[in-house]
Amino acid sequence: MFRAFFSMPTSVVDGAGKPVNAVHGYLDMVARLAESRRPDRIVHVYDDDWRPAPRVELYEGYKANRPPDPEPLPAQFDVLKELLDALGLPQADAPGWEAEDAIGVLSAAARKEDQIDIVTGDRDLIQLVRDPSIRVLFTVKGVSELRVLDEAGVLERFGVPAARYAEFAILRGDPSDGLPGVRGVGEKTARVLVQAYPSLDALVQDARALKRTGAPLQRSPALRSAIRDAGDYIKAMQKIVPIRTDVPVRTWERPAEPASKLDAIAERYAVAGPMRRLRHALGR
């Protein structure tokens, strides 16, 4: 929705003059995905709380630097939910948690024979990639260009296994989430450290060790000092950065409305075009 909002001007409004640009763009994105990917189901997942209290309690800076959503955007989520309800499409969230946590729970609960594609521009979700069931379709240009990331793709792109992507992200940091990472550690150094140590605990332990081991950390006194100083930060991040797979998730899917009512709702919100395209893509 955030990407859709900026893909179209706020002059795209409904009959009451309220912006529906994000809804318009989102429906067209979903229609293109349905047309090109032909999935059995598309689940639409929301943030219930984009700054969950348990994460903020561990690190007050978590997402603290993010500006508020553009004023015309939040109300459009209510419109989107009404339209998706009318279409009979599945939706989900995790009370008190972020969309990525709900996606983590849904992915963990899937059957082994299921193929799940997570469409996102959020790098955090890369940690969920698992062959052969779970891939990330990373948005490059909306949904018209997607980078397919399976385990081989993650390893090729980032140099670390998908299962250890969260450790890589902890060291590197993520400015968009207000996470500075470890002083002096960028992608290249984070990759080297994840490759060299079996865990972040082993990395911190080596930084605190008196005896030199010959490992990469010990060859750089400045890096060793930075890791040692960041021990508490790394410990907190190990509870913040990993996506939760153990929180309650709400899912809902209502019976689809008849065509006449769908037409009326689409006209009310001035999204007749994208609704028609989405219904066609879904065979509705």
C-alpha atoms as a PDB file:
ATOM      1  CA  MET A   1       0.000   0.000   0.000  1.00  0.00           C
ATOM      2  CA  PHE A   2       2.856   2.374   0.806  1.00  0.00           C
ATOM      3  CA  ARG A   3       4.447   1.765  -2.584  1.00  0.00           C
ATOM      4  CA  ALA A   4       1.077   2.029  -4.290  1.00  0.00           C
ATOM      5  CA  PHE A   5       0.435   5.355  -2.571  1.00  0.00           C
ATOM      6  CA  PHE A   6       3.538   6.883  -4.116  1.00  0.00           C
ATOM      7  CA  SER A   7       2.943   5.302  -7.511  1.00  0.00           C
ATOM      8  CA  MET A   8      -0.164   7.404  -8.126  1.00  0.00           C
ATOM      9  CA  PRO A   9      -1.089  11.034  -7.335  1.00  0.00           C
ATOM     10  CA  THR A  10      -3.464  11.871  -4.482  1.00  0.00           C
ATOM     11  CA  SER A  11      -5.681  13.542  -7.081  1.00  0.00           C
ATOM     12  CA  VAL A  12      -7.093  10.043  -7.687  1.00  0.00           C
ATOM     13  CA  VAL A  13     -10.198  10.365  -5.497  1.00  0.00           C
ATOM     14  CA  ASP A  14     -13.595   8.765  -4.953  1.00  0.00           C
ATOM     15  CA  GLY A  15     -16.975  10.450  -5.395  1.00  0.00           C
ATOM     16  CA  ALA A  16     -16.641  12.169  -2.024  1.00  0.00           C
ATOM     17  CA  GLY A  17     -13.284  13.639  -2.974  1.00  0.00           C
ATOM     18  CA  LYS A  18     -11.263  11.340  -0.694  1.00  0.00           C
ATOM     19  CA  PRO A  19      -7.966   9.955  -2.046  1.00  0.00           C
ATOM     20  CA  VAL A  20      -8.043   6.327  -3.192  1.00  0.00           C
ATOM     21  CA  ASN A  21      -4.721   6.334  -5.031  1.00  0.00           C
ATOM     22  CA  ALA A  22      -3.144   3.655  -2.795  1.00  0.00           C
ATOM     23  CA  VAL A  23      -6.198   1.406  -3.102  1.00  0.00           C
ATOM     24  CA  HIS A  24      -6.251   1.904  -6.872  1.00  0.00           C
ATOM     25  CA  GLY A  25      -2.564   1.071  -7.203  1.00  0.00           C
ATOM     26  CA  TYR A  26      -2.705  -1.862  -4.801  1.00  0.00           C
ATOM     27  CA  LEU A  27      -5.598  -3.557  -6.600  1.00  0.00           C
ATOM     28  CA  ASP A  28      -3.764  -3.243  -9.900  1.00  0.00           C
ATOM     29  CA  MET A  29      -0.603  -4.710  -8.341  1.00  0.00           C
ATOM     30  CA  VAL A  30      -2.561  -7.703  -7.065  1.00  0.00           C
ATOM     31  CA  ALA A  31      -4.227  -8.128 -10.451  1.00  0.00           C
ATOM     32  CA  ARG A  32      -0.815  -8.239 -12.159  1.00  0.00           C
ATOM     33  CA  LEU A  33       0.448 -10.785  -9.624  1.00  0.00           C
ATOM     34  CA  ALA A  34      -2.637 -12.957 -10.027  1.00  0.00           C
ATOM     35  CA  GLU A  35      -2.304 -12.790 -13.810  1.00  0.00           C
ATOM     36  CA  SER A  36       1.422 -13.538 -13.963  1.00  0.00           C
ATOM     37  CA  ARG A  37       1.845 -15.970 -11.052  1.00  0.00           C
ATOM     38  CA  ARG A  38      -1.511 -17.779 -11.021  1.00  0.00           C
ATOM     39  CA  PRO A  39      -1.460 -18.596  -7.290  1.00  0.00           C
ATOM     40  CA  ASP A  40      -4.140 -20.734  -5.655  1.00  0.00           C
ATOM     41  CA  ARG A  41      -4.531 -18.118  -2.922  1.00  0.00           C
ATOM     42  CA  ILE A  42      -3.353 -14.594  -2.198  1.00  0.00           C
ATOM     43  CA  VAL A  43      -3.321 -13.630   1.479  1.00  0.00           C
ATOM     44  CA  HIS A  44      -3.240  -9.900   2.280  1.00  0.00           C
ATOM     45  CA  VAL A  45      -1.335  -9.268   5.515  1.00  0.00           C
ATOM     46  CA  TYR A  46      -1.399  -6.084   7.617  1.00  0.00           C
ATOM     47  CA  ASP A  47       0.582  -4.519  10.421  1.00  0.00           C
ATOM     48  CA  ASP A  48      -1.508  -4.487  13.574  1.00  0.00           C
ATOM     49  CA  ASP A  49       1.257  -2.540  15.336  1.00  0.00           C
ATOM     50  CA  TRP A  50       4.197  -1.451  13.189  1.00  0.00           C
ATOM     51  CA  ARG A  51       6.229  -0.685  16.349  1.00  0.00           C
ATOM     52  CA  PRO A  52       5.454  -3.574  18.727  1.00  0.00           C
ATOM     53  CA  ALA A  53       5.910  -2.869  22.444  1.00  0.00           C
ATOM     54  CA  PRO A  54       8.106  -5.965  23.087  1.00  0.00           C
ATOM     55  CA  ARG A  55      10.605  -4.756  20.469  1.00  0.00           C
ATOM     56  CA  VAL A  56      10.532  -1.151  21.657  1.00  0.00           C
ATOM     57  CA  GLU A  57      11.066  -2.268  25.269  1.00  0.00           C
ATOM     58  CA  LEU A  58      14.268  -3.998  24.198  1.00  0.00           C
ATOM     59  CA  TYR A  59      15.473  -1.071  22.080  1.00  0.00           C
ATOM     60  CA  GLU A  60      13.748   2.314  22.239  1.00  0.00           C
ATOM     61  CA  GLY A  61      15.213   3.361  18.914  1.00  0.00           C
ATOM     62  CA  TYR A  62      13.298   0.673  17.017  1.00  0.00           C
ATOM     63  CA  LYS A  63      11.614   2.506  14.108  1.00  0.00           C
ATOM     64  CA  ALA A  64      11.671   5.680  16.227  1.00  0.00           C
ATOM     65  CA  ASN A  65      13.063   7.708  13.326  1.00  0.00           C
ATOM     66  CA  ARG A  66      10.288   6.871  10.864  1.00  0.00           C
ATOM     67  CA  PRO A  67       8.083   9.759   9.802  1.00  0.00           C
ATOM     68  CA  PRO A  68       4.320   9.287  10.149  1.00  0.00           C
ATOM     69  CA  ASP A  69       2.401   7.914   7.179  1.00  0.00           C
ATOM     70  CA  PRO A  70       1.262  10.493   4.642  1.00  0.00           C
ATOM     71  CA  GLU A  71      -2.036  11.926   5.891  1.00  0.00           C
ATOM     72  CA  PRO A  72      -4.225  10.510   3.073  1.00  0.00           C
ATOM     73  CA  LEU A  73      -2.922   6.943   3.443  1.00  0.00           C
ATOM     74  CA  PRO A  74      -4.224   5.407   6.733  1.00  0.00           C
ATOM     75  CA  ALA A  75      -7.927   5.817   5.897  1.00  0.00           C
ATOM     76  CA  GLN A  76      -7.393   3.955   2.646  1.00  0.00           C
ATOM     77  CA  PHE A  77      -6.667   0.737   4.528  1.00  0.00           C
ATOM     78  CA  ASP A  78     -10.290   0.660   5.685  1.00  0.00           C
ATOM     79  CA  VAL A  79     -11.429   1.018   2.083  1.00  0.00           C
ATOM     80  CA  LEU A  80      -9.056  -1.733   0.971  1.00  0.00           C
ATOM     81  CA  LYS A  81     -10.298  -4.116   3.657  1.00  0.00           C
ATOM     82  CA  GLU A  82     -13.906  -3.472   2.648  1.00  0.00           C
ATOM     83  CA  LEU A  83     -13.120  -4.214  -0.981  1.00  0.00           C
ATOM     84  CA  LEU A  84     -11.124  -7.363  -0.208  1.00  0.00           C
ATOM     85  CA  ASP A  85     -13.917  -8.548   2.098  1.00  0.00           C
ATOM     86  CA  ALA A  86     -16.417  -8.031  -0.708  1.00  0.00           C
ATOM     87  CA  LEU A  87     -14.203 -10.033  -3.066  1.00  0.00           C
ATOM     88  CA  GLY A  88     -13.986 -12.866  -0.522  1.00  0.00           C
ATOM     89  CA  LEU A  89     -10.181 -12.718  -0.314  1.00  0.00           C
ATOM     90  CA  PRO A  90      -8.220 -13.962   2.737  1.00  0.00           C
ATOM     91  CA  GLN A  91      -6.647 -11.373   5.043  1.00  0.00           C
ATOM     92  CA  ALA A  92      -4.549 -11.643   8.198  1.00  0.00           C
ATOM     93  CA  ASP A  93      -2.735  -9.787  10.970  1.00  0.00           C
ATOM     94  CA  ALA A  94      -1.052 -10.543  14.300  1.00  0.00           C
ATOM     95  CA  PRO A  95      -2.529  -8.532  17.224  1.00  0.00           C
ATOM     96  CA  GLY A  96       0.167  -6.301  18.682  1.00  0.00           C
ATOM     97  CA  TRP A  97       2.709  -7.297  16.040  1.00  0.00           C
ATOM     98  CA  GLU A  98       3.905  -6.467  12.565  1.00  0.00           C
ATOM     99  CA  ALA A  99       2.797  -7.916   9.252  1.00  0.00           C
ATOM    100  CA  GLU A 100       6.137  -9.729   8.962  1.00  0.00           C
ATOM    101  CA  ASP A 101       5.365 -11.638  12.175  1.00  0.00           C
ATOM    102  CA  ALA A 102       1.968 -12.695  10.850  1.00  0.00           C
ATOM    103  CA  ILE A 103       3.670 -13.823   7.640  1.00  0.00           C
ATOM    104  CA  GLY A 104       6.213 -15.735   9.725  1.00  0.00           C
ATOM    105  CA  VAL A 105       3.465 -17.602  11.575  1.00  0.00           C
ATOM    106  CA  LEU A 106       1.526 -18.383   8.398  1.00  0.00           C
ATOM    107  CA  SER A 107       4.687 -19.609   6.673  1.00  0.00           C
ATOM    108  CA  ALA A 108       5.707 -21.790   9.613  1.00  0.00           C
ATOM    109  CA  ALA A 109       2.228 -23.333   9.746  1.00  0.00           C
ATOM    110  CA  ALA A 110       2.121 -24.188   6.045  1.00  0.00           C
ATOM    111  CA  ARG A 111       2.266 -27.747   4.831  1.00  0.00           C
ATOM    112  CA  LYS A 112       5.560 -29.040   3.487  1.00  0.00           C
ATOM    113  CA  GLU A 113       4.050 -29.529   0.040  1.00  0.00           C
ATOM    114  CA  ASP A 114       2.890 -25.896  -0.156  1.00  0.00           C
ATOM    115  CA  GLN A 115       4.805 -23.349  -2.225  1.00  0.00           C
ATOM    116  CA  ILE A 116       4.680 -19.934  -0.566  1.00  0.00           C
ATOM    117  CA  ASP A 117       5.857 -16.813  -2.349  1.00  0.00           C
ATOM    118  CA  ILE A 118       6.191 -13.735  -0.123  1.00  0.00           C
ATOM    119  CA  VAL A 119       5.866 -10.582  -2.206  1.00  0.00           C
ATOM    120  CA  THR A 120       7.669  -7.785  -0.389  1.00  0.00           C
ATOM    121  CA  GLY A 121      10.206  -4.997  -0.491  1.00  0.00           C
ATOM    122  CA  ASP A 122      11.109  -5.624   3.164  1.00  0.00           C
ATOM    123  CA  ARG A 123      14.507  -7.297   3.451  1.00  0.00           C
ATOM    124  CA  ASP A 124      13.678  -8.666   6.917  1.00  0.00           C
ATOM    125  CA  LEU A 125      11.444 -11.286   5.320  1.00  0.00           C
ATOM    126  CA  ILE A 126      14.417 -12.812   3.487  1.00  0.00           C
ATOM    127  CA  GLN A 127      15.178 -14.712   6.695  1.00  0.00           C
ATOM    128  CA  LEU A 128      12.041 -16.830   6.118  1.00  0.00           C
ATOM    129  CA  VAL A 129      13.278 -18.298   2.817  1.00  0.00           C
ATOM    130  CA  ARG A 130      13.468 -22.091   2.977  1.00  0.00           C
ATOM    131  CA  ASP A 131      13.811 -24.533   0.107  1.00  0.00           C
ATOM    132  CA  PRO A 132      11.689 -25.907  -1.392  1.00  0.00           C
ATOM    133  CA  SER A 133       8.634 -24.276   0.191  1.00  0.00           C
ATOM    134  CA  ILE A 134       9.230 -20.580   0.861  1.00  0.00           C
ATOM    135  CA  ARG A 135      10.606 -17.967  -1.509  1.00  0.00           C
ATOM    136  CA  VAL A 136      10.671 -14.179  -1.439  1.00  0.00           C
ATOM    137  CA  LEU A 137       9.617 -12.289  -4.555  1.00  0.00           C
ATOM    138  CA  PHE A 138      11.453  -9.049  -3.872  1.00  0.00           C
ATOM    139  CA  THR A 139       9.911  -5.992  -5.464  1.00  0.00           C
ATOM    140  CA  VAL A 140      12.363  -4.191  -7.743  1.00  0.00           C
ATOM    141  CA  LYS A 141       9.901  -2.119  -9.800  1.00  0.00           C
ATOM    142  CA  GLY A 142       6.528  -2.533  -8.149  1.00  0.00           C
ATOM    143  CA  VAL A 143       5.416  -6.050  -9.015  1.00  0.00           C
ATOM    144  CA  SER A 144       6.332  -5.749 -12.683  1.00  0.00           C
ATOM    145  CA  GLU A 145       9.929  -6.746 -11.874  1.00  0.00           C
ATOM    146  CA  LEU A 146      10.487  -9.225  -9.057  1.00  0.00           C
ATOM    147  CA  ARG A 147      13.767 -10.733  -7.879  1.00  0.00           C
ATOM    148  CA  VAL A 148      13.107 -14.378  -6.990  1.00  0.00           C
ATOM    149  CA  LEU A 149      15.036 -15.337  -3.862  1.00  0.00           C
ATOM    150  CA  ASP A 150      15.270 -18.998  -2.930  1.00  0.00           C
ATOM    151  CA  GLU A 151      18.125 -20.244  -0.730  1.00  0.00           C
ATOM    152  CA  ALA A 152      20.584 -20.192  -3.637  1.00  0.00           C
ATOM    153  CA  GLY A 153      19.459 -16.691  -4.569  1.00  0.00           C
ATOM    154  CA  VAL A 154      19.935 -15.385  -1.030  1.00  0.00           C
ATOM    155  CA  LEU A 155      23.393 -16.944  -0.812  1.00  0.00           C
ATOM    156  CA  GLU A 156      24.394 -15.493  -4.176  1.00  0.00           C
ATOM    157  CA  ARG A 157      23.049 -12.006  -3.412  1.00  0.00           C
ATOM    158  CA  PHE A 158      24.145 -11.625   0.233  1.00  0.00           C
ATOM    159  CA  GLY A 159      26.803 -14.292   0.735  1.00  0.00           C
ATOM    160  CA  VAL A 160      25.074 -15.828   3.765  1.00  0.00           C
ATOM    161  CA  PRO A 161      22.508 -18.632   4.141  1.00  0.00           C
ATOM    162  CA  ALA A 162      18.897 -17.493   4.418  1.00  0.00           C
ATOM    163  CA  ALA A 163      18.703 -19.166   7.838  1.00  0.00           C
ATOM    164  CA  ARG A 164      21.403 -16.756   9.067  1.00  0.00           C
ATOM    165  CA  TYR A 165      20.204 -13.639   7.275  1.00  0.00           C
ATOM    166  CA  ALA A 166      18.923 -12.163  10.557  1.00  0.00           C
ATOM    167  CA  GLU A 167      22.441 -12.363  12.050  1.00  0.00           C
ATOM    168  CA  PHE A 168      23.825 -10.619   8.973  1.00  0.00           C
ATOM    169  CA  ALA A 169      21.162  -7.903   9.342  1.00  0.00           C
ATOM    170  CA  ILE A 170      21.932  -7.434  13.053  1.00  0.00           C
ATOM    171  CA  LEU A 171      25.596  -6.746  12.334  1.00  0.00           C
ATOM    172  CA  ARG A 172      24.994  -4.566   9.282  1.00  0.00           C
ATOM    173  CA  GLY A 173      22.087  -2.632  10.784  1.00  0.00           C
ATOM    174  CA  ASP A 174      18.990  -1.246   9.100  1.00  0.00           C
ATOM    175  CA  PRO A 175      18.545   2.545   9.062  1.00  0.00           C
ATOM    176  CA  SER A 176      14.911   2.208   7.949  1.00  0.00           C
ATOM    177  CA  ASP A 177      14.179   0.392  11.228  1.00  0.00           C
ATOM    178  CA  GLY A 178      16.348   2.735  13.295  1.00  0.00           C
ATOM    179  CA  LEU A 179      18.918  -0.012  13.905  1.00  0.00           C
ATOM    180  CA  PRO A 180      22.482   1.304  13.591  1.00  0.00           C
ATOM    181  CA  GLY A 181      24.236  -2.059  13.527  1.00  0.00           C
ATOM    182  CA  VAL A 182      27.740  -2.500  14.867  1.00  0.00           C
ATOM    183  CA  ARG A 183      30.128   0.428  14.511  1.00  0.00           C
ATOM    184  CA  GLY A 184      32.218   0.103  11.364  1.00  0.00           C
ATOM    185  CA  VAL A 185      30.437  -3.010  10.098  1.00  0.00           C
ATOM    186  CA  GLY A 186      28.874  -2.807   6.646  1.00  0.00           C
ATOM    187  CA  GLU A 187      27.582  -5.537   4.356  1.00  0.00           C
ATOM    188  CA  LYS A 188      31.025  -6.854   3.419  1.00  0.00           C
ATOM    189  CA  THR A 189      32.289  -7.178   6.994  1.00  0.00           C
ATOM    190  CA  ALA A 190      28.962  -8.568   8.226  1.00  0.00           C
ATOM    191  CA  ARG A 191      29.182 -11.234   5.523  1.00  0.00           C
ATOM    192  CA  VAL A 192      32.734 -12.182   6.503  1.00  0.00           C
ATOM    193  CA  LEU A 193      31.821 -12.459  10.184  1.00  0.00           C
ATOM    194  CA  VAL A 194      28.736 -14.613   9.574  1.00  0.00           C
ATOM    195  CA  GLN A 195      30.803 -16.882   7.354  1.00  0.00           C
ATOM    196  CA  ALA A 196      33.604 -17.127   9.935  1.00  0.00           C
ATOM    197  CA  TYR A 197      31.576 -17.778  13.107  1.00  0.00           C
ATOM    198  CA  PRO A 198      28.881 -20.378  13.777  1.00  0.00           C
ATOM    199  CA  SER A 199      26.730 -17.878  15.717  1.00  0.00           C
ATOM    200  CA  LEU A 200      26.647 -14.321  17.014  1.00  0.00           C
ATOM    201  CA  ASP A 201      27.255 -15.658  20.515  1.00  0.00           C
ATOM    202  CA  ALA A 202      30.498 -17.236  19.292  1.00  0.00           C
ATOM    203  CA  LEU A 203      31.446 -13.958  17.650  1.00  0.00           C
ATOM    204  CA  VAL A 204      30.928 -11.942  20.842  1.00  0.00           C
ATOM    205  CA  GLN A 205      32.708 -14.612  22.883  1.00  0.00           C
ATOM    206  CA  ASP A 206      35.739 -14.356  20.599  1.00  0.00           C
ATOM    207  CA  ALA A 207      35.720 -10.562  20.909  1.00  0.00           C
ATOM    208  CA  ARG A 208      35.872 -10.903  24.690  1.00  0.00           C
ATOM    209  CA  ALA A 209      38.474 -13.680  24.700  1.00  0.00           C
ATOM    210  CA  LEU A 210      41.927 -12.921  26.075  1.00  0.00           C
ATOM    211  CA  LYS A 211      43.669 -15.497  23.922  1.00  0.00           C
ATOM    212  CA  ARG A 212      44.108 -14.705  20.220  1.00  0.00           C
ATOM    213  CA  THR A 213      42.542 -17.373  18.027  1.00  0.00           C
ATOM    214  CA  GLY A 214      43.584 -16.212  14.574  1.00  0.00           C
ATOM    215  CA  ALA A 215      39.945 -15.751  13.526  1.00  0.00           C
ATOM    216  CA  PRO A 216      39.044 -12.635  11.445  1.00  0.00           C
ATOM    217  CA  LEU A 217      38.016 -10.673  14.527  1.00  0.00           C
ATOM    218  CA  GLN A 218      41.364 -11.129  16.188  1.00  0.00           C
ATOM    219  CA  ARG A 219      43.192  -9.759  13.150  1.00  0.00           C
ATOM    220  CA  SER A 220      41.496  -6.378  13.522  1.00  0.00           C
ATOM    221  CA  PRO A 221      41.764  -4.758  16.971  1.00  0.00           C
ATOM    222  CA  ALA A 222      39.292  -2.018  15.973  1.00  0.00           C
ATOM    223  CA  LEU A 223      36.677  -4.547  14.850  1.00  0.00           C
ATOM    224  CA  ARG A 224      37.260  -6.680  17.928  1.00  0.00           C
ATOM    225  CA  SER A 225      36.694  -3.620  20.115  1.00  0.00           C
ATOM    226  CA  ALA A 226      33.539  -2.676  18.210  1.00  0.00           C
ATOM    227  CA  ILE A 227      32.041  -6.154  18.620  1.00  0.00           C
ATOM    228  CA  ARG A 228      32.956  -6.234  22.300  1.00  0.00           C
ATOM    229  CA  ASP A 229      31.351  -2.814  22.866  1.00  0.00           C
ATOM    230  CA  ALA A 230      28.238  -3.889  20.962  1.00  0.00           C
ATOM    231  CA  GLY A 231      27.693  -7.063  23.023  1.00  0.00           C
ATOM    232  CA  ASP A 232      24.553  -5.798  24.766  1.00  0.00           C
ATOM    233  CA  TYR A 233      23.204  -4.351  21.517  1.00  0.00           C
ATOM    234  CA  ILE A 234      23.725  -7.662  19.709  1.00  0.00           C
ATOM    235  CA  LYS A 235      22.001  -9.535  22.525  1.00  0.00           C
ATOM    236  CA  ALA A 236      18.955  -7.250  22.286  1.00  0.00           C
ATOM    237  CA  MET A 237      18.877  -7.464  18.490  1.00  0.00           C
ATOM    238  CA  GLN A 238      18.737 -11.261  18.672  1.00  0.00           C
ATOM    239  CA  LYS A 239      15.256 -10.810  20.148  1.00  0.00           C
ATOM    240  CA  ILE A 240      14.211  -7.932  17.885  1.00  0.00           C
ATOM    241  CA  VAL A 241      15.350  -8.738  14.352  1.00  0.00           C
ATOM    242  CA  PRO A 242      14.186 -12.377  14.053  1.00  0.00           C
ATOM    243  CA  ILE A 243      10.632 -12.599  12.763  1.00  0.00           C
ATOM    244  CA  ARG A 244       8.275 -14.183  15.279  1.00  0.00           C
ATOM    245  CA  THR A 245       6.602 -17.455  14.379  1.00  0.00           C
ATOM    246  CA  ASP A 246       4.916 -18.023  17.749  1.00  0.00           C
ATOM    247  CA  VAL A 247       2.400 -15.173  18.112  1.00  0.00           C
ATOM    248  CA  PRO A 248      -1.392 -15.395  17.659  1.00  0.00           C
ATOM    249  CA  VAL A 249      -2.609 -14.556  14.167  1.00  0.00           C
ATOM    250  CA  ARG A 250      -6.088 -13.505  13.075  1.00  0.00           C
ATOM    251  CA  THR A 251      -7.273 -14.584   9.658  1.00  0.00           C
ATOM    252  CA  TRP A 252     -10.562 -13.774   8.004  1.00  0.00           C
ATOM    253  CA  GLU A 253     -12.174 -14.598   4.688  1.00  0.00           C
ATOM    254  CA  ARG A 254     -15.797 -13.697   4.032  1.00  0.00           C
ATOM    255  CA  PRO A 255     -18.042 -15.053   1.298  1.00  0.00           C
ATOM    256  CA  ALA A 256     -17.702 -13.050  -1.901  1.00  0.00           C
ATOM    257  CA  GLU A 257     -20.483 -10.609  -2.684  1.00  0.00           C
ATOM    258  CA  PRO A 258     -22.544 -11.014  -5.874  1.00  0.00           C
ATOM    259  CA  ALA A 259     -21.339  -9.196  -8.971  1.00  0.00           C
ATOM    260  CA  SER A 260     -23.958  -6.456  -8.683  1.00  0.00           C
ATOM    261  CA  LYS A 261     -22.793  -5.492  -5.202  1.00  0.00           C
ATOM    262  CA  LEU A 262     -19.131  -5.619  -6.243  1.00  0.00           C
ATOM    263  CA  ASP A 263     -19.942  -3.226  -9.071  1.00  0.00           C
ATOM    264  CA  ALA A 264     -21.724  -0.865  -6.668  1.00  0.00           C
ATOM    265  CA  ILE A 265     -18.829  -0.847  -4.157  1.00  0.00           C
ATOM    266  CA  ALA A 266     -16.309  -0.283  -6.945  1.00  0.00           C
ATOM    267  CA  GLU A 267     -18.332   2.666  -8.251  1.00  0.00           C
ATOM    268  CA  ARG A 268     -18.674   4.164  -4.769  1.00  0.00           C
ATOM    269  CA  TYR A 269     -14.906   4.251  -4.327  1.00  0.00           C
ATOM    270  CA  ALA A 270     -14.155   5.085  -7.984  1.00  0.00           C
ATOM    271  CA  VAL A 271     -12.033   1.965  -8.495  1.00  0.00           C
ATOM    272  CA  ALA A 272     -14.190   0.277 -11.130  1.00  0.00           C
ATOM    273  CA  GLY A 273     -11.195  -0.197 -13.464  1.00  0.00           C
ATOM    274  CA  PRO A 274      -8.810  -1.914 -11.038  1.00  0.00           C
ATOM    275  CA  MET A 275     -11.645  -3.957  -9.506  1.00  0.00           C
ATOM    276  CA  ARG A 276     -12.635  -5.183 -12.960  1.00  0.00           C
ATOM    277  CA  ARG A 277      -9.031  -6.093 -13.763  1.00  0.00           C
ATOM    278  CA  LEU A 278      -8.583  -7.905 -10.456  1.00  0.00           C
ATOM    279  CA  ARG A 279     -11.846  -9.820 -10.802  1.00  0.00           C
ATOM    280  CA  HIS A 280     -10.824 -10.875 -14.295  1.00  0.00           C
ATOM    281  CA  ALA A 281      -7.395 -12.026 -13.062  1.00  0.00           C
ATOM    282  CA  LEU A 282      -9.052 -14.004 -10.253  1.00  0.00           C
ATOM    283  CA  GLY A 283     -11.710 -15.488 -12.520  1.00  0.00           C
ATOM    284  CA  ARG A 284     -14.452 -13.716 -10.586  1.00  0.00           C
END
